[in-house]
Amino acid sequence: MIRLPRTLGRLLLLLLAVMPGLALAERTPAMPELTPFSASYRLEVKGWPNATIDHRLSREGGHWQSRMQAAIAVARGNERSRFIVTSKGIRSVSYASGYSLLGVGGRYRLGEGDLAHHVDRQAALIELSRRALAGGCEDDACRLSYQDHRGREETRDFRVLARETLRLPSGEFEALKVEVKDPESPDSTLLFHFHPALPGLLLAVDYHSDGERKSRLFLTALDAPER
C-alpha cells in the first residue's frame, strides 16, 4: 500500500472523523439512549479547500451503525462502524474505512476479534458524547482509550467544560462543550460541542494547536426527531 505524506494523511483523518473516538473508562454512569439521525457538516482546515462531511447514525436490528463520508475537490474518505449498546457501554463489532487522494488511496478493516479490548473510533465518538452527557467528568479529566483506523491503541483525556448556545447555519442549539487532549501532545486541544439530547451528534468541533485554531467543523443540516 502506498503511504501518503504525513500532512495529507492528517487531513484525511480530519475528513473521516475530526477526532478519533474514545472507549469506555472503568466507571459507567447511566447513559442517554441513542436516536437515529442524519447530519451534514462543513469542515474548514487552514490551507486547504473547505470540505463537506455527512454523518448518519442508524439502527439495523440489534446493531447500530455510524457512517461518515467526506469530500473535497481532490480527496474523498469514508468510514463506518457497527456496534452494540450493552449495559456496560458500547461494544464494536466491525469497522471499515477508505480514502483516495489524487488517485492514491487505502482501505482498512477491523473485525470483532480485533476490537475485543477497545472500540473503534466511530463507535467511540458516540460513546464519548454519551459519557459527557451522563456527567462525572466535570471537575477532573477522564482518561480513555480507543483503536485507530489501523487498530493501534491510542489514549485521550477529556473534560466537560460547560453548556453554551451556538448559532449555526442549521439553527440555534444548546451545546455541551467538551475539551479533549492527547497526553503526548499538550499543545493541541480539540473542543467538541455535542447536542444535549442526541448522543453522537456533533454541533461543532474546533482544533487548536500552538495557540492557534487550525480547523473548524460545524453543522449545516440535520434530519432527526424533535427532542
Protein backbone atom coordinates (compact mmCIF):
# COMPACT_ATOMS: atom_id res chain seq x y z
CA MET A 1 0.00 0.00 0.00
CA ILE A 2 1.30 3.46 -0.87
CA ARG A 3 1.65 5.71 2.14
CA LEU A 4 0.64 9.35 1.83
CA PRO A 5 2.79 12.19 3.12
CA ARG A 6 2.16 12.89 6.80
CA THR A 7 0.40 16.23 6.25
CA LEU A 8 -2.04 14.77 3.72
CA GLY A 9 -2.67 11.79 5.95
CA ARG A 10 -3.63 14.08 8.81
CA LEU A 11 -6.02 15.99 6.58
CA LEU A 12 -7.76 12.78 5.52
CA LEU A 13 -8.12 11.76 9.16
CA LEU A 14 -9.80 15.11 9.77
CA LEU A 15 -12.10 14.44 6.83
CA LEU A 16 -13.03 10.98 8.07
CA ALA A 17 -13.58 11.98 11.69
CA VAL A 18 -12.37 15.22 13.16
CA MET A 19 -11.27 13.42 16.26
CA PRO A 20 -10.64 9.70 16.87
CA GLY A 21 -13.32 8.22 19.08
CA LEU A 22 -12.88 7.19 22.71
CA ALA A 23 -13.54 3.96 24.56
CA LEU A 24 -15.15 3.25 27.91
CA ALA A 25 -13.43 4.05 31.18
CA GLU A 26 -13.82 1.87 34.28
CA ARG A 27 -16.88 3.61 35.72
CA THR A 28 -20.04 3.64 33.62
CA PRO A 29 -22.79 6.09 34.68
CA ALA A 30 -26.34 5.89 33.35
CA MET A 31 -26.15 6.63 29.62
CA PRO A 32 -28.57 8.55 27.38
CA GLU A 33 -30.35 6.43 24.79
CA LEU A 34 -29.33 6.65 21.15
CA THR A 35 -31.59 8.16 18.48
CA PRO A 36 -31.02 7.82 14.70
CA PHE A 37 -30.06 11.00 12.82
CA SER A 38 -28.52 12.27 9.59
CA ALA A 39 -26.28 15.34 9.68
CA SER A 40 -24.15 17.36 7.26
CA TYR A 41 -21.13 19.48 8.16
CA ARG A 42 -18.69 21.95 6.72
CA LEU A 43 -15.02 21.41 7.59
CA GLU A 44 -12.63 24.34 7.31
CA VAL A 45 -8.93 23.41 7.51
CA LYS A 46 -6.30 26.12 7.29
CA GLY A 47 -4.50 25.93 3.94
CA TRP A 48 -6.99 23.50 2.35
CA PRO A 49 -10.28 23.78 0.42
CA ASN A 50 -13.41 23.52 2.55
CA ALA A 51 -14.83 20.02 2.84
CA THR A 52 -18.30 18.55 3.31
CA ILE A 53 -18.93 15.69 5.74
CA ASP A 54 -22.08 13.58 6.08
CA HIS A 55 -22.72 11.58 9.26
CA ARG A 56 -25.51 9.06 9.68
CA LEU A 57 -26.39 7.09 12.80
CA SER A 58 -28.88 4.29 12.14
CA ARG A 59 -30.24 1.16 13.78
CA GLU A 60 -30.23 -2.19 11.99
CA GLY A 61 -31.89 -4.89 14.07
CA GLY A 62 -29.83 -5.37 17.23
CA HIS A 63 -26.91 -3.34 15.86
CA TRP A 64 -26.22 0.34 15.37
CA GLN A 65 -24.20 1.77 12.52
CA SER A 66 -22.29 5.06 12.45
CA ARG A 67 -21.11 6.13 9.00
CA MET A 68 -19.15 9.21 7.91
CA GLN A 69 -18.34 10.32 4.37
CA ALA A 70 -16.18 13.30 3.44
CA ALA A 71 -15.15 15.00 0.21
CA ILE A 72 -13.11 17.92 -1.11
CA ALA A 73 -12.00 18.66 -4.65
CA VAL A 74 -9.01 16.29 -4.58
CA ALA A 75 -9.85 13.79 -1.84
CA ARG A 76 -12.60 11.51 -0.57
CA GLY A 77 -12.89 9.41 2.55
CA ASN A 78 -15.40 7.26 4.39
CA GLU A 79 -15.62 5.09 7.46
CA ARG A 80 -18.31 3.05 9.14
CA SER A 81 -18.73 1.16 12.38
CA ARG A 82 -21.19 -1.46 13.53
CA PHE A 83 -21.63 -1.73 17.28
CA ILE A 84 -23.87 -3.00 20.06
CA VAL A 85 -25.07 -0.99 23.07
CA THR A 86 -24.86 -3.04 26.27
CA SER A 87 -25.37 -2.29 29.96
CA LYS A 88 -21.59 -1.78 30.21
CA GLY A 89 -21.36 0.56 27.23
CA ILE A 90 -20.69 0.24 23.53
CA ARG A 91 -19.01 -2.85 22.04
CA SER A 92 -17.68 -2.66 18.49
CA VAL A 93 -18.49 -5.45 16.06
CA SER A 94 -16.77 -4.24 12.88
CA TYR A 95 -15.07 -1.20 11.39
CA ALA A 96 -14.07 -0.24 7.84
CA SER A 97 -12.60 2.88 6.25
CA GLY A 98 -11.15 4.03 2.95
CA TYR A 99 -9.76 7.11 1.29
CA SER A 100 -8.47 8.33 -2.04
CA LEU A 101 -6.35 11.37 -2.85
CA LEU A 102 -5.34 12.20 -6.42
CA GLY A 103 -5.77 8.56 -7.38
CA VAL A 104 -3.84 7.20 -4.39
CA GLY A 105 -5.75 5.51 -1.60
CA GLY A 106 -6.05 2.85 1.04
CA ARG A 107 -8.58 0.68 2.86
CA TYR A 108 -8.67 -0.57 6.44
CA ARG A 109 -10.81 -3.14 8.24
CA LEU A 110 -11.13 -4.30 11.85
CA GLY A 111 -13.20 -7.33 12.87
CA GLU A 112 -14.78 -8.24 16.18
CA GLY A 113 -11.63 -10.07 17.25
CA ASP A 114 -9.50 -7.02 16.54
CA LEU A 115 -11.88 -4.89 18.62
CA ALA A 116 -12.07 -7.18 21.65
CA HIS A 117 -10.41 -4.72 24.07
CA HIS A 118 -11.21 -1.25 22.71
CA VAL A 119 -13.90 0.22 20.48
CA ASP A 120 -13.11 1.72 17.07
CA ARG A 121 -13.08 5.49 16.74
CA GLN A 122 -16.51 5.84 15.10
CA ALA A 123 -18.34 3.86 17.80
CA ALA A 124 -16.27 5.55 20.46
CA LEU A 125 -17.20 9.02 19.24
CA ILE A 126 -20.79 8.07 20.07
CA GLU A 127 -19.71 6.78 23.46
CA LEU A 128 -17.71 9.90 24.25
CA SER A 129 -20.81 12.07 23.87
CA ARG A 130 -22.86 9.63 25.99
CA ARG A 131 -20.25 9.79 28.75
CA ALA A 132 -20.11 13.57 28.58
CA LEU A 133 -23.91 13.89 28.72
CA ALA A 134 -24.16 11.43 31.62
CA GLY A 135 -21.81 13.56 33.75
CA GLY A 136 -18.93 12.69 36.06
CA CYS A 137 -16.01 14.31 34.22
CA GLU A 138 -16.59 17.97 35.01
CA ASP A 139 -14.02 18.54 37.76
CA ASP A 140 -11.32 16.05 36.81
CA ALA A 141 -10.40 14.82 33.33
CA CYS A 142 -11.29 11.23 32.44
CA ARG A 143 -8.73 9.12 30.59
CA LEU A 144 -9.93 6.80 27.83
CA SER A 145 -8.55 4.56 25.09
CA TYR A 146 -9.62 3.67 21.55
CA GLN A 147 -8.30 1.94 18.42
CA ASP A 148 -7.44 3.99 15.36
CA HIS A 149 -8.18 3.00 11.76
CA ARG A 150 -5.16 0.66 11.72
CA GLY A 151 -6.07 -0.99 15.04
CA ARG A 152 -3.41 0.81 17.08
CA GLU A 153 -4.28 1.78 20.64
CA GLU A 154 -4.41 5.49 21.47
CA THR A 155 -5.17 7.42 24.68
CA ARG A 156 -7.04 10.68 25.20
CA ASP A 157 -8.15 12.77 28.19
CA PHE A 158 -11.47 14.60 28.17
CA ARG A 159 -13.21 17.05 30.47
CA VAL A 160 -16.71 18.54 30.34
CA LEU A 161 -16.46 22.35 30.44
CA ALA A 162 -19.89 23.99 30.21
CA ARG A 163 -23.16 24.38 28.32
CA GLU A 164 -23.48 27.23 25.87
CA THR A 165 -25.64 28.41 22.97
CA LEU A 166 -24.36 28.03 19.40
CA ARG A 167 -25.76 29.89 16.40
CA LEU A 168 -25.07 27.83 13.29
CA PRO A 169 -26.30 27.80 9.67
CA SER A 170 -28.61 24.95 10.68
CA GLY A 171 -30.15 26.88 13.60
CA GLU A 172 -29.61 27.78 17.23
CA PHE A 173 -28.67 24.98 19.64
CA GLU A 174 -27.80 24.47 23.26
CA ALA A 175 -24.48 22.60 23.28
CA LEU A 176 -22.34 20.67 25.75
CA LYS A 177 -18.71 21.80 25.44
CA VAL A 178 -16.05 19.12 25.98
CA GLU A 179 -12.26 19.54 25.92
CA VAL A 180 -10.21 16.62 24.56
CA LYS A 181 -6.42 16.33 24.73
CA ASP A 182 -3.74 13.89 23.65
CA PRO A 183 -1.43 13.35 26.67
CA GLU A 184 1.53 13.20 24.27
CA SER A 185 0.61 16.49 22.54
CA PRO A 186 -0.11 19.01 25.33
CA ASP A 187 -0.05 21.97 22.91
CA SER A 188 -3.03 20.62 20.92
CA THR A 189 -6.68 20.74 22.01
CA LEU A 190 -9.99 19.67 20.49
CA LEU A 191 -13.14 21.43 21.67
CA PHE A 192 -16.27 19.41 20.95
CA HIS A 193 -19.80 20.83 21.13
CA PHE A 194 -22.29 17.95 21.46
CA HIS A 195 -26.07 18.05 21.07
CA PRO A 196 -27.56 17.64 24.57
CA ALA A 197 -30.36 15.25 23.52
CA LEU A 198 -28.90 13.33 20.55
CA PRO A 199 -25.81 11.33 21.63
CA GLY A 200 -23.15 11.26 18.92
CA LEU A 201 -24.38 14.38 17.13
CA LEU A 202 -21.62 16.97 16.78
CA LEU A 203 -22.71 20.59 16.60
CA ALA A 204 -19.20 21.99 16.18
CA VAL A 205 -15.55 20.99 16.72
CA ASP A 206 -12.53 23.31 16.91
CA TYR A 207 -8.94 22.10 16.70
CA HIS A 208 -6.29 24.33 18.31
CA SER A 209 -2.53 23.81 18.11
CA ASP A 210 0.27 26.08 19.38
CA GLY A 211 -2.28 28.68 20.43
CA GLU A 212 -3.95 28.91 17.01
CA ARG A 213 -7.17 27.43 15.63
CA LYS A 214 -6.19 25.14 12.76
CA SER A 215 -9.59 23.78 11.77
CA ARG A 216 -13.29 24.05 12.47
CA LEU A 217 -16.23 21.78 11.77
CA PHE A 218 -19.84 22.92 12.16
CA LEU A 219 -23.32 21.54 11.49
CA THR A 220 -25.05 22.77 8.33
CA ALA A 221 -28.10 20.44 8.13
CA LEU A 222 -29.86 17.98 10.43
CA ASP A 223 -32.58 15.37 9.96
CA ALA A 224 -33.63 13.93 13.35
CA PRO A 225 -36.72 13.50 15.53
CA GLU A 226 -37.74 16.51 17.60
CA ARG A 227 -36.14 16.29 21.05
